[in-house]
Amino acid sequence: MLFLYHLPEDILYLVLSYLDCQTLNSLSQVCKKMYNFTSRDVVWKRIAKECINSGITQEGRDIFPRIPLKDRVKISQNWRRGRCRKEAVLKWKNNLLPWIQLDGGVLYLSQAADIRAYQLRTDGGGLQRKPVAVYSGHREDVCRFIMTESHLISAGVDGKIILHQKQGSFSMEYSAHNQEVNCIDSKGGLIVSGSRDRTARVWSLSSNRLGECLHTIPTLDRVWSLAISPSQSSFVTGTACCGHVAPLRIWDVESCQLLTCLGTDFRRGAGVLDVVYESPSTLLSCGYDTFIRYWDVRASTRKCVMEWEEPHDSALYCIQSDSNHMIASGSSYYGVVRLWDKRQTRCLQTFSLSSPTSSPVYCLRFNSTHLYAALASALYALDFKGLDSRGRK
């Protein structure tokens, strides 16, 4: 008698590629050999690519290769159904405008003029109580900061950019702008900054020109957000939309010449508060006009290819993408976090983190199992990994 597991592996992979998640789980219980075979990542990759936040990007790249795909597909169902445990992992007394970044097992959080690094607990989404590092130097609040492989780069209300070495005490301060530096990004040996002073500037990170301003771009409007393209050949700026210029513009990195404007029908005051590149030709934007917009410059620069409206007509302060199907957004009232599936017009799930008091979600970040949201007086974690009897939103 010929059993299924007697088939050559390439034929067996082909057979399994037609099975859904439930059938694969049932098949894994047949015997030890089938359990081991159906636990391989290659068996789950097709299913994982159709799931939200499974770590498989649109291009097929695996963001979380250390976590088995089978486990990530299971956790993805919790994201889709909104099944999670909510916890305020850190609180502070005074209202702030915090910003966060995730770097492996460390969460970086700006609080007033300092940035603190907290080790994530391995038993859940909480933080170790004591920070493992503190980065200082700004005279006023930190507006934004970003991470590179070796450095933490911060921008502040004092108009300065500070380059901190992640492992070490070296730091370098730039007198970057005349007013607060609202946004910053870094790729390919360059820093790009945007300010309330209506300019964007490009800085060198190379050792022989460290701290040198290469270009100053008059944007004619306050710059709220920016992002460097993954191709490192261009960057996009999001401005306040208070003048007669388009709020979303793409610039060439080397010449700093305007390449194109995105959109034609923005209302006055519809400033762009966050922009995120997914690929060299696709990006997401959000802001005061309550819409998330998905742009593909290959299709059109005059109109976005998709858009999603915040149901309660709130401004959207921040967005984050899994580079495939899921978008997470943070709203301006009651700490509302929403999960969206790009294949649907309505949001998947809604979580209110600050009720009954109101606070914007200033920043959010997520990995395969947790979402972290920074509000005015607390940092919240949503744990999608596992549930107990109380484990619902």
Protein backbone atom coordinates (compact mmCIF):
# COMPACT_ATOMS: atom_id res chain seq x y z
CA MET A 1 0.00 0.00 0.00
CA LEU A 2 1.29 3.47 -0.89
CA PHE A 3 0.87 6.09 1.79
CA LEU A 4 0.95 9.82 1.17
CA TYR A 5 4.33 10.27 2.85
CA HIS A 6 5.82 7.64 0.49
CA LEU A 7 5.57 10.12 -2.37
CA PRO A 8 8.73 11.92 -3.50
CA GLU A 9 9.13 15.19 -1.61
CA ASP A 10 8.66 17.43 -4.65
CA ILE A 11 5.36 15.67 -5.48
CA LEU A 12 4.27 15.84 -1.85
CA TYR A 13 5.01 19.58 -1.75
CA LEU A 14 2.85 20.02 -4.84
CA VAL A 15 -0.04 18.09 -3.27
CA LEU A 16 0.20 20.06 -0.01
CA SER A 17 0.27 23.38 -1.88
CA TYR A 18 -3.44 22.89 -2.67
CA LEU A 19 -4.43 22.43 0.99
CA ASP A 20 -5.79 25.11 3.30
CA CYS A 21 -4.65 25.85 6.83
CA GLN A 22 -7.22 23.64 8.56
CA THR A 23 -6.46 20.64 6.35
CA LEU A 24 -2.71 21.00 6.88
CA ASN A 25 -3.22 21.08 10.65
CA SER A 26 -5.33 17.91 10.44
CA LEU A 27 -2.74 16.20 8.26
CA SER A 28 0.01 17.04 10.76
CA GLN A 29 -1.80 14.83 13.32
CA VAL A 30 -1.70 11.70 11.16
CA CYS A 31 1.77 10.58 12.16
CA LYS A 32 5.13 11.90 13.31
CA LYS A 33 6.55 11.92 9.77
CA MET A 34 3.67 14.01 8.43
CA TYR A 35 3.89 16.30 11.46
CA ASN A 36 7.56 17.00 10.77
CA PHE A 37 6.94 17.47 7.06
CA THR A 38 3.97 19.82 7.45
CA SER A 39 5.95 21.91 9.96
CA ARG A 40 8.38 23.04 7.29
CA ASP A 41 8.19 26.68 6.24
CA VAL A 42 8.03 25.86 2.54
CA VAL A 43 4.68 24.09 3.08
CA TRP A 44 3.15 27.20 4.68
CA LYS A 45 4.65 29.96 2.53
CA ARG A 46 1.76 30.19 0.05
CA ILE A 47 -0.79 30.41 2.87
CA ALA A 48 1.37 32.84 4.84
CA LYS A 49 1.64 35.22 1.92
CA GLU A 50 -2.16 35.59 1.90
CA CYS A 51 -2.32 36.19 5.67
CA ILE A 52 -1.96 39.57 7.35
CA ASN A 53 1.26 40.26 9.24
CA SER A 54 2.76 36.83 8.67
CA GLY A 55 6.20 38.32 7.94
CA ILE A 56 6.08 37.47 4.22
CA THR A 57 6.24 40.62 2.09
CA GLN A 58 4.59 41.17 -1.28
CA GLU A 59 7.92 40.33 -2.93
CA GLY A 60 8.19 37.07 -0.93
CA ARG A 61 10.91 38.22 1.50
CA ASP A 62 10.71 36.76 5.01
CA ILE A 63 11.01 39.44 7.73
CA PHE A 64 10.92 37.05 10.72
CA PRO A 65 12.82 33.95 9.56
CA ARG A 66 13.48 32.71 13.11
CA ILE A 67 9.78 32.12 13.85
CA PRO A 68 8.21 29.06 12.14
CA LEU A 69 5.70 30.05 9.47
CA LYS A 70 3.17 27.60 10.85
CA ASP A 71 3.14 29.54 14.14
CA ARG A 72 2.91 32.89 12.36
CA VAL A 73 -0.09 31.77 10.32
CA LYS A 74 -1.83 30.80 13.56
CA ILE A 75 -1.01 34.16 15.20
CA SER A 76 -2.17 35.95 12.05
CA GLN A 77 -5.69 34.69 12.72
CA ASN A 78 -5.60 36.49 16.07
CA TRP A 79 -4.65 39.74 14.32
CA ARG A 80 -7.50 39.31 11.85
CA ARG A 81 -10.06 38.53 14.57
CA GLY A 82 -8.78 41.18 16.99
CA ARG A 83 -8.01 38.61 19.68
CA CYS A 84 -5.34 40.10 21.91
CA ARG A 85 -4.40 41.08 25.44
CA LYS A 86 -4.05 44.83 26.09
CA GLU A 87 -1.60 46.18 28.64
CA ALA A 88 -0.18 49.60 29.56
CA VAL A 89 3.46 48.54 29.85
CA LEU A 90 4.79 52.00 30.78
CA LYS A 91 3.16 55.14 32.19
CA TRP A 92 4.41 58.65 32.97
CA LYS A 93 2.90 61.70 34.73
CA ASN A 94 3.23 64.55 32.22
CA ASN A 95 1.69 64.47 28.75
CA LEU A 96 4.36 64.05 26.07
CA LEU A 97 4.64 63.58 22.31
CA PRO A 98 6.50 60.24 22.34
CA TRP A 99 8.01 58.34 19.41
CA ILE A 100 9.01 54.67 19.31
CA GLN A 101 11.14 52.31 17.24
CA LEU A 102 11.57 48.53 17.43
CA ASP A 103 15.01 47.07 16.84
CA GLY A 104 15.02 43.31 17.39
CA GLY A 105 14.38 42.67 21.07
CA VAL A 106 14.75 46.32 22.09
CA LEU A 107 12.11 49.07 22.09
CA TYR A 108 13.34 52.67 21.90
CA LEU A 109 11.05 55.36 23.36
CA SER A 110 11.48 59.14 23.33
CA GLN A 111 10.34 60.88 26.52
CA ALA A 112 10.81 64.66 26.51
CA ALA A 113 14.48 65.36 25.64
CA ASP A 114 15.75 61.78 26.15
CA ILE A 115 15.46 58.46 24.33
CA ARG A 116 15.42 55.31 26.42
CA ALA A 117 16.08 51.77 25.24
CA TYR A 118 14.07 49.00 26.93
CA GLN A 119 14.66 45.29 26.56
CA LEU A 120 11.48 43.41 25.63
CA ARG A 121 10.56 40.64 28.03
CA THR A 122 10.74 37.19 26.50
CA ASP A 123 7.61 36.03 28.36
CA GLY A 124 5.31 38.59 26.74
CA GLY A 125 5.01 42.10 25.35
CA GLY A 126 6.17 43.92 28.47
CA LEU A 127 9.40 45.79 29.03
CA GLN A 128 12.22 45.34 31.49
CA ARG A 129 11.70 48.01 34.15
CA LYS A 130 15.14 49.59 33.84
CA PRO A 131 16.31 50.97 30.46
CA VAL A 132 19.44 49.39 29.07
CA ALA A 133 20.57 52.73 27.58
CA VAL A 134 19.62 56.42 27.64
CA TYR A 135 20.45 58.80 24.78
CA SER A 136 20.55 62.49 25.69
CA GLY A 137 21.74 65.78 24.25
CA HIS A 138 18.67 67.71 23.12
CA ARG A 139 17.77 70.87 25.04
CA GLU A 140 14.08 70.45 24.22
CA ASP A 141 11.77 67.56 23.30
CA VAL A 142 12.74 64.93 20.74
CA CYS A 143 10.37 65.11 17.74
CA ARG A 144 11.49 62.01 15.82
CA PHE A 145 14.32 59.50 15.75
CA ILE A 146 15.32 56.64 13.48
CA MET A 147 17.62 53.63 13.72
CA THR A 148 20.41 52.45 11.45
CA GLU A 149 22.61 49.38 11.94
CA SER A 150 25.11 51.33 14.03
CA HIS A 151 23.47 54.61 15.01
CA LEU A 152 20.41 56.22 16.54
CA ILE A 153 19.69 59.58 14.89
CA SER A 154 17.36 62.00 16.66
CA ALA A 155 15.72 65.29 15.68
CA GLY A 156 14.40 67.82 18.16
CA VAL A 157 12.36 70.93 18.86
CA ASP A 158 15.69 72.72 19.46
CA GLY A 159 16.42 72.48 15.70
CA LYS A 160 19.24 70.00 16.21
CA ILE A 161 20.04 66.55 14.85
CA ILE A 162 22.12 64.30 17.10
CA LEU A 163 23.92 61.22 15.84
CA HIS A 164 24.30 58.66 18.66
CA GLN A 165 26.38 55.51 18.44
CA LYS A 166 24.13 52.64 19.55
CA GLN A 167 26.94 50.69 21.17
CA GLY A 168 29.20 53.30 22.71
CA SER A 169 29.32 56.85 23.99
CA PHE A 170 30.13 58.71 20.74
CA SER A 171 27.63 61.35 19.66
CA MET A 172 27.69 64.23 17.20
CA GLU A 173 25.41 67.26 17.13
CA TYR A 174 24.24 69.14 14.03
CA SER A 175 22.72 72.63 14.16
CA ALA A 176 20.28 71.53 11.49
CA HIS A 177 17.37 73.98 11.18
CA ASN A 178 16.16 77.34 12.48
CA GLN A 179 13.03 75.78 13.95
CA GLU A 180 12.00 72.32 15.19
CA VAL A 181 13.02 69.32 13.10
CA ASN A 182 9.70 67.50 12.67
CA CYS A 183 10.91 64.45 10.73
CA ILE A 184 14.02 62.55 9.76
CA ASP A 185 15.13 59.48 7.80
CA SER A 186 18.44 57.87 6.92
CA LYS A 187 19.55 55.41 4.24
CA GLY A 188 22.61 54.82 2.07
CA GLY A 189 24.99 57.08 3.98
CA LEU A 190 22.61 60.07 3.97
CA ILE A 191 20.28 61.79 6.42
CA VAL A 192 17.24 63.75 5.21
CA SER A 193 15.51 66.12 7.63
CA GLY A 194 12.37 68.26 7.40
CA SER A 195 11.45 71.24 9.52
CA ARG A 196 8.85 73.78 10.48
CA ASP A 197 11.18 76.36 8.90
CA ARG A 198 9.87 75.22 5.45
CA THR A 199 13.02 73.47 4.34
CA ALA A 200 14.23 69.91 3.85
CA ARG A 201 17.96 69.22 4.09
CA VAL A 202 20.22 66.37 3.00
CA TRP A 203 23.23 65.53 5.21
CA SER A 204 26.24 63.31 4.69
CA LEU A 205 26.97 60.33 6.94
CA SER A 206 30.25 59.40 5.26
CA SER A 207 33.29 59.57 7.55
CA ASN A 208 35.11 62.25 5.52
CA ARG A 209 32.03 64.53 5.26
CA LEU A 210 30.20 63.69 8.47
CA GLY A 211 27.72 66.38 9.43
CA GLU A 212 28.02 68.31 6.17
CA CYS A 213 24.81 69.71 4.69
CA LEU A 214 24.78 68.67 1.03
CA HIS A 215 21.54 70.35 -0.07
CA THR A 216 18.85 72.65 1.28
CA ILE A 217 15.43 72.46 -0.40
CA PRO A 218 12.93 75.31 0.09
CA THR A 219 9.65 73.41 0.40
CA LEU A 220 7.52 76.58 0.77
CA ASP A 221 5.51 74.85 3.50
CA ARG A 222 6.12 73.26 6.90
CA VAL A 223 7.45 69.71 6.57
CA TRP A 224 5.62 67.21 8.82
CA SER A 225 6.85 63.89 7.42
CA LEU A 226 9.34 62.37 5.00
CA ALA A 227 10.74 59.01 3.91
CA ILE A 228 13.64 57.88 1.74
CA SER A 229 12.77 55.40 -1.00
CA PRO A 230 14.15 51.83 -0.64
CA SER A 231 16.01 52.49 -3.91
CA GLN A 232 17.79 55.37 -2.11
CA SER A 233 17.49 57.48 -5.26
CA SER A 234 14.61 59.69 -4.10
CA PHE A 235 12.66 60.80 -1.05
CA VAL A 236 9.13 62.02 -0.39
CA THR A 237 8.08 64.97 1.78
CA GLY A 238 4.68 65.46 3.41
CA THR A 239 3.87 69.09 4.22
CA ALA A 240 1.18 71.09 6.02
CA CYS A 241 -0.84 71.94 2.87
CA CYS A 242 -1.20 75.56 3.98
CA GLY A 243 0.18 77.12 0.80
CA HIS A 244 -0.27 76.63 -2.92
CA VAL A 245 2.02 73.60 -3.28
CA ALA A 246 1.08 69.91 -3.27
CA PRO A 247 1.57 68.36 0.20
CA LEU A 248 3.17 65.18 -1.21
CA ARG A 249 6.26 65.67 -3.37
CA ILE A 250 9.06 63.35 -4.47
CA TRP A 251 12.61 64.70 -4.81
CA ASP A 252 15.78 63.33 -6.39
CA VAL A 253 18.40 62.55 -3.72
CA GLU A 254 21.49 63.62 -5.69
CA SER A 255 20.23 66.82 -7.36
CA CYS A 256 17.35 67.54 -4.92
CA GLN A 257 15.24 68.54 -7.92
CA LEU A 258 11.49 67.97 -7.74
CA LEU A 259 10.60 64.75 -9.58
CA THR A 260 6.82 64.71 -9.19
CA CYS A 261 3.86 65.74 -7.05
CA LEU A 262 1.37 63.16 -5.80
CA GLY A 263 -2.33 64.00 -5.97
CA THR A 264 -4.25 67.05 -7.15
CA ASP A 265 -7.29 67.44 -4.88
CA PHE A 266 -6.00 67.92 -1.32
CA ARG A 267 -8.02 70.35 0.79
CA ARG A 268 -6.23 73.30 2.35
CA GLY A 269 -4.93 72.25 5.77
CA ALA A 270 -4.93 68.53 4.83
CA GLY A 271 -1.33 68.12 6.01
CA VAL A 272 0.45 64.79 5.62
CA LEU A 273 1.56 63.53 9.05
CA ASP A 274 3.15 60.20 8.07
CA VAL A 275 4.50 58.53 4.93
CA VAL A 276 5.77 54.97 4.58
CA TYR A 277 7.45 53.40 1.54
CA GLU A 278 6.59 49.78 0.79
CA SER A 279 8.70 49.50 -2.37
CA PRO A 280 10.58 51.95 -4.61
CA SER A 281 7.34 52.69 -6.46
CA THR A 282 4.64 52.30 -3.78
CA LEU A 283 3.99 54.25 -0.58
CA LEU A 284 1.31 55.00 1.99
CA SER A 285 0.33 58.39 3.40
CA CYS A 286 -2.03 59.70 6.08
CA GLY A 287 -2.82 62.95 7.83
CA TYR A 288 -5.39 65.56 8.77
CA ASP A 289 -7.87 64.74 5.98
CA THR A 290 -8.71 61.37 7.67
CA PHE A 291 -7.65 59.16 4.72
CA ILE A 292 -4.99 56.51 4.29
CA ARG A 293 -3.85 56.61 0.68
CA TYR A 294 -1.88 54.03 -1.28
CA TRP A 295 0.19 55.45 -4.12
CA ASP A 296 1.81 53.62 -7.02
CA VAL A 297 3.88 56.00 -9.15
CA ARG A 298 3.97 53.42 -11.95
CA ALA A 299 0.19 53.71 -12.35
CA SER A 300 -0.45 57.39 -11.66
CA THR A 301 0.92 60.36 -9.76
CA ARG A 302 -2.32 62.34 -10.01
CA LYS A 303 -4.52 59.89 -8.11
CA CYS A 304 -3.88 57.22 -5.50
CA VAL A 305 -4.69 53.64 -6.45
CA MET A 306 -6.55 52.91 -3.18
CA GLU A 307 -7.77 54.85 -0.17
CA TRP A 308 -9.39 54.10 3.19
CA GLU A 309 -11.30 56.64 5.30
CA GLU A 310 -11.10 56.79 9.09
CA PRO A 311 -14.70 55.88 10.14
CA HIS A 312 -14.99 58.52 12.89
CA ASP A 313 -13.56 61.37 10.82
CA SER A 314 -10.44 61.66 12.98
CA ALA A 315 -7.04 62.81 11.79
CA LEU A 316 -4.55 59.98 11.34
CA TYR A 317 -1.24 60.60 13.11
CA CYS A 318 0.69 57.50 12.09
CA ILE A 319 0.61 54.37 9.95
CA GLN A 320 2.69 51.21 9.69
CA SER A 321 2.59 48.44 7.10
CA ASP A 322 3.56 44.77 7.01
CA SER A 323 4.73 45.33 3.39
CA ASN A 324 1.98 43.01 2.21
CA HIS A 325 -1.72 43.17 3.16
CA MET A 326 -1.99 44.83 6.59
CA ILE A 327 -1.91 48.48 7.64
CA ALA A 328 -2.09 49.70 11.24
CA SER A 329 -3.17 53.30 11.88
CA GLY A 330 -3.22 55.58 14.91
CA SER A 331 -5.99 58.20 15.26
CA SER A 332 -6.12 61.60 16.93
CA TYR A 333 -8.77 60.77 19.56
CA TYR A 334 -9.14 58.20 22.36
CA GLY A 335 -6.00 56.28 21.44
CA VAL A 336 -7.79 54.50 18.60
CA VAL A 337 -5.69 51.94 16.73
CA ARG A 338 -7.19 50.32 13.64
CA LEU A 339 -6.07 47.33 11.59
CA TRP A 340 -6.81 47.37 7.86
CA ASP A 341 -6.63 44.75 5.12
CA LYS A 342 -5.79 46.38 1.79
CA ARG A 343 -8.10 43.91 0.04
CA GLN A 344 -11.10 45.30 1.95
CA THR A 345 -12.67 48.77 2.12
CA ARG A 346 -13.54 48.74 5.84
CA CYS A 347 -11.18 48.34 8.77
CA LEU A 348 -10.71 44.87 10.22
CA GLN A 349 -10.44 45.72 13.91
CA THR A 350 -10.55 48.74 16.23
CA PHE A 351 -8.89 49.09 19.64
CA SER A 352 -9.48 52.08 21.94
CA LEU A 353 -6.51 52.42 24.27
CA SER A 354 -7.13 55.64 26.22
CA SER A 355 -10.85 55.65 27.04
CA PRO A 356 -12.34 57.54 28.90
CA THR A 357 -9.64 60.22 28.51
CA SER A 358 -8.60 61.19 25.00
CA SER A 359 -5.12 61.06 23.50
CA PRO A 360 -3.74 60.74 19.99
CA VAL A 361 -1.72 57.71 19.01
CA TYR A 362 1.52 59.52 18.23
CA CYS A 363 3.39 56.48 16.99
CA LEU A 364 2.91 52.73 16.60
CA ARG A 365 5.14 49.82 15.67
CA PHE A 366 4.49 46.09 15.44
CA ASN A 367 6.28 42.78 14.96
CA SER A 368 4.78 39.34 14.30
CA THR A 369 3.21 39.01 17.77
CA HIS A 370 2.82 42.45 19.36
CA LEU A 371 1.72 45.98 18.51
CA TYR A 372 3.09 48.90 20.54
CA ALA A 373 1.34 52.28 20.61
CA ALA A 374 2.70 55.49 22.18
CA LEU A 375 0.06 57.83 23.64
CA ALA A 376 0.45 61.10 25.54
CA SER A 377 0.96 59.48 28.96
CA ALA A 378 1.45 55.75 28.36
CA LEU A 379 2.91 53.08 26.13
CA TYR A 380 0.48 50.25 25.33
CA ALA A 381 1.16 46.75 24.09
CA LEU A 382 -1.34 44.52 22.30
CA ASP A 383 -0.28 40.88 22.61
CA PHE A 384 -1.65 38.68 19.81
CA LYS A 385 0.52 35.68 20.58
CA GLY A 386 -1.67 33.80 23.03
CA LEU A 387 -4.83 34.25 25.05
CA ASP A 388 -6.11 33.27 28.42
CA SER A 389 -9.75 33.39 29.43
CA ARG A 390 -9.58 37.19 29.65
CA GLY A 391 -7.65 37.59 26.43
CA ARG A 392 -9.94 39.72 24.31
CA LYS A 393 -9.75 43.33 23.34
